N, C-alpha and C. Protein backbone atom coordinates (compact mmCIF):
# COMPACT_ATOMS: atom_id res chain seq x y z
N MET A 1 -22.97 6.40 -3.05
CA MET A 1 -22.51 5.03 -2.99
C MET A 1 -21.20 4.98 -2.18
N GLN A 2 -21.14 4.10 -1.23
CA GLN A 2 -19.94 3.95 -0.42
C GLN A 2 -19.22 2.68 -0.83
N VAL A 3 -17.93 2.83 -1.07
CA VAL A 3 -17.10 1.70 -1.48
C VAL A 3 -16.14 1.39 -0.32
N PRO A 4 -16.03 0.12 0.08
CA PRO A 4 -15.07 -0.20 1.14
C PRO A 4 -13.64 0.15 0.73
N LEU A 5 -12.85 0.55 1.71
CA LEU A 5 -11.47 0.96 1.44
C LEU A 5 -10.67 -0.17 0.83
N TRP A 6 -10.85 -1.39 1.32
CA TRP A 6 -10.08 -2.52 0.79
C TRP A 6 -10.39 -2.76 -0.68
N LEU A 7 -11.64 -2.54 -1.08
CA LEU A 7 -12.01 -2.73 -2.47
C LEU A 7 -11.41 -1.63 -3.35
N ALA A 8 -11.44 -0.40 -2.87
CA ALA A 8 -10.85 0.71 -3.63
C ALA A 8 -9.35 0.51 -3.79
N LEU A 9 -8.66 0.07 -2.73
CA LEU A 9 -7.22 -0.17 -2.82
C LEU A 9 -6.91 -1.34 -3.74
N LEU A 10 -7.74 -2.36 -3.71
CA LEU A 10 -7.54 -3.50 -4.60
C LEU A 10 -7.68 -3.10 -6.07
N VAL A 11 -8.69 -2.32 -6.38
CA VAL A 11 -8.91 -1.87 -7.76
C VAL A 11 -7.78 -0.93 -8.20
N ALA A 12 -7.39 0.00 -7.33
CA ALA A 12 -6.31 0.92 -7.67
C ALA A 12 -4.99 0.18 -7.87
N GLY A 13 -4.72 -0.80 -7.03
CA GLY A 13 -3.51 -1.60 -7.19
C GLY A 13 -3.52 -2.41 -8.47
N TRP A 14 -4.65 -3.00 -8.78
CA TRP A 14 -4.76 -3.81 -10.00
C TRP A 14 -4.58 -2.94 -11.24
N LEU A 15 -5.20 -1.76 -11.23
CA LEU A 15 -5.04 -0.85 -12.37
C LEU A 15 -3.60 -0.36 -12.49
N GLY A 16 -2.97 -0.09 -11.36
CA GLY A 16 -1.58 0.35 -11.39
C GLY A 16 -0.65 -0.70 -11.97
N VAL A 17 -0.87 -1.95 -11.59
CA VAL A 17 -0.04 -3.03 -12.11
C VAL A 17 -0.29 -3.23 -13.60
N LYS A 18 -1.54 -3.14 -14.02
CA LYS A 18 -1.87 -3.35 -15.43
C LYS A 18 -1.36 -2.20 -16.31
N LEU A 19 -1.46 -0.96 -15.83
CA LEU A 19 -1.11 0.19 -16.66
C LEU A 19 0.38 0.53 -16.61
N ILE A 20 0.97 0.47 -15.44
CA ILE A 20 2.37 0.91 -15.28
C ILE A 20 3.34 -0.26 -15.47
N ARG A 21 2.91 -1.46 -15.13
CA ARG A 21 3.71 -2.68 -15.24
C ARG A 21 5.05 -2.60 -14.51
N PRO A 22 5.00 -2.36 -13.17
CA PRO A 22 6.25 -2.37 -12.41
C PRO A 22 6.75 -3.81 -12.26
N PRO A 23 8.04 -4.00 -11.97
CA PRO A 23 8.54 -5.35 -11.75
C PRO A 23 7.91 -5.95 -10.49
N TRP A 24 7.75 -7.26 -10.50
CA TRP A 24 7.08 -7.93 -9.38
C TRP A 24 7.87 -7.82 -8.09
N TRP A 25 9.21 -7.76 -8.18
CA TRP A 25 9.99 -7.64 -6.96
C TRP A 25 9.72 -6.30 -6.28
N LEU A 26 9.45 -5.25 -7.06
CA LEU A 26 9.15 -3.95 -6.48
C LEU A 26 7.81 -3.96 -5.76
N ILE A 27 6.85 -4.63 -6.33
CA ILE A 27 5.53 -4.76 -5.68
C ILE A 27 5.67 -5.52 -4.37
N ALA A 28 6.44 -6.61 -4.39
CA ALA A 28 6.63 -7.41 -3.17
C ALA A 28 7.36 -6.61 -2.09
N VAL A 29 8.37 -5.84 -2.48
CA VAL A 29 9.11 -5.03 -1.51
C VAL A 29 8.21 -3.96 -0.89
N LEU A 30 7.40 -3.31 -1.71
CA LEU A 30 6.50 -2.27 -1.18
C LEU A 30 5.45 -2.86 -0.24
N LEU A 31 4.87 -4.00 -0.63
CA LEU A 31 3.86 -4.62 0.23
C LEU A 31 4.47 -5.12 1.54
N LEU A 32 5.59 -5.80 1.46
CA LEU A 32 6.23 -6.32 2.66
C LEU A 32 6.75 -5.19 3.54
N GLY A 33 7.34 -4.18 2.91
CA GLY A 33 7.84 -3.03 3.68
C GLY A 33 6.72 -2.29 4.39
N GLY A 34 5.61 -2.09 3.71
CA GLY A 34 4.47 -1.43 4.34
C GLY A 34 3.89 -2.24 5.49
N PHE A 35 3.83 -3.55 5.28
CA PHE A 35 3.32 -4.43 6.33
C PHE A 35 4.22 -4.40 7.56
N LEU A 36 5.53 -4.45 7.33
CA LEU A 36 6.47 -4.45 8.46
C LEU A 36 6.53 -3.10 9.15
N LEU A 37 6.43 -2.01 8.40
CA LEU A 37 6.45 -0.68 9.02
C LEU A 37 5.18 -0.41 9.83
N ALA A 38 4.06 -0.97 9.41
CA ALA A 38 2.80 -0.74 10.12
C ALA A 38 2.82 -1.35 11.51
N ASP A 39 3.65 -2.35 11.72
CA ASP A 39 3.69 -3.03 13.01
C ASP A 39 5.00 -2.75 13.75
N SER A 40 5.68 -1.67 13.39
CA SER A 40 6.97 -1.37 14.02
C SER A 40 6.82 -0.21 15.00
N VAL A 41 7.94 0.13 15.64
CA VAL A 41 7.93 1.27 16.56
C VAL A 41 7.86 2.59 15.80
N LEU A 42 8.10 2.54 14.49
CA LEU A 42 8.03 3.76 13.68
C LEU A 42 6.60 4.11 13.27
N ALA A 43 5.66 3.23 13.52
CA ALA A 43 4.27 3.44 13.09
C ALA A 43 3.67 4.76 13.62
N PRO A 44 3.82 5.09 14.91
CA PRO A 44 3.27 6.37 15.38
C PRO A 44 3.90 7.58 14.70
N ALA A 45 5.20 7.51 14.43
CA ALA A 45 5.86 8.64 13.76
C ALA A 45 5.37 8.79 12.33
N ILE A 46 5.19 7.67 11.64
CA ILE A 46 4.68 7.71 10.26
C ILE A 46 3.25 8.21 10.24
N ASN A 47 2.47 7.76 11.22
CA ASN A 47 1.07 8.19 11.32
C ASN A 47 1.00 9.70 11.55
N ALA A 48 1.84 10.23 12.43
CA ALA A 48 1.85 11.67 12.69
C ALA A 48 2.32 12.44 11.47
N LEU A 49 3.26 11.88 10.72
CA LEU A 49 3.77 12.53 9.53
C LEU A 49 2.71 12.59 8.43
N ILE A 50 1.94 11.53 8.31
CA ILE A 50 0.91 11.47 7.26
C ILE A 50 -0.23 12.43 7.58
N LYS A 51 -0.62 12.48 8.86
CA LYS A 51 -1.72 13.36 9.25
C LYS A 51 -1.19 14.74 9.37
């Protein structure tokens, strides 16, 4: 069975919020920071670091 990546991330995020209960400002900062970093000049460096 193949699960789309967006669905797996959505389920993992929902479970993380329900089980760990981080503050909402931390969730917003992580989402916004990830979105902004993905479209920045640092994206190739982060991509090379992850791989």
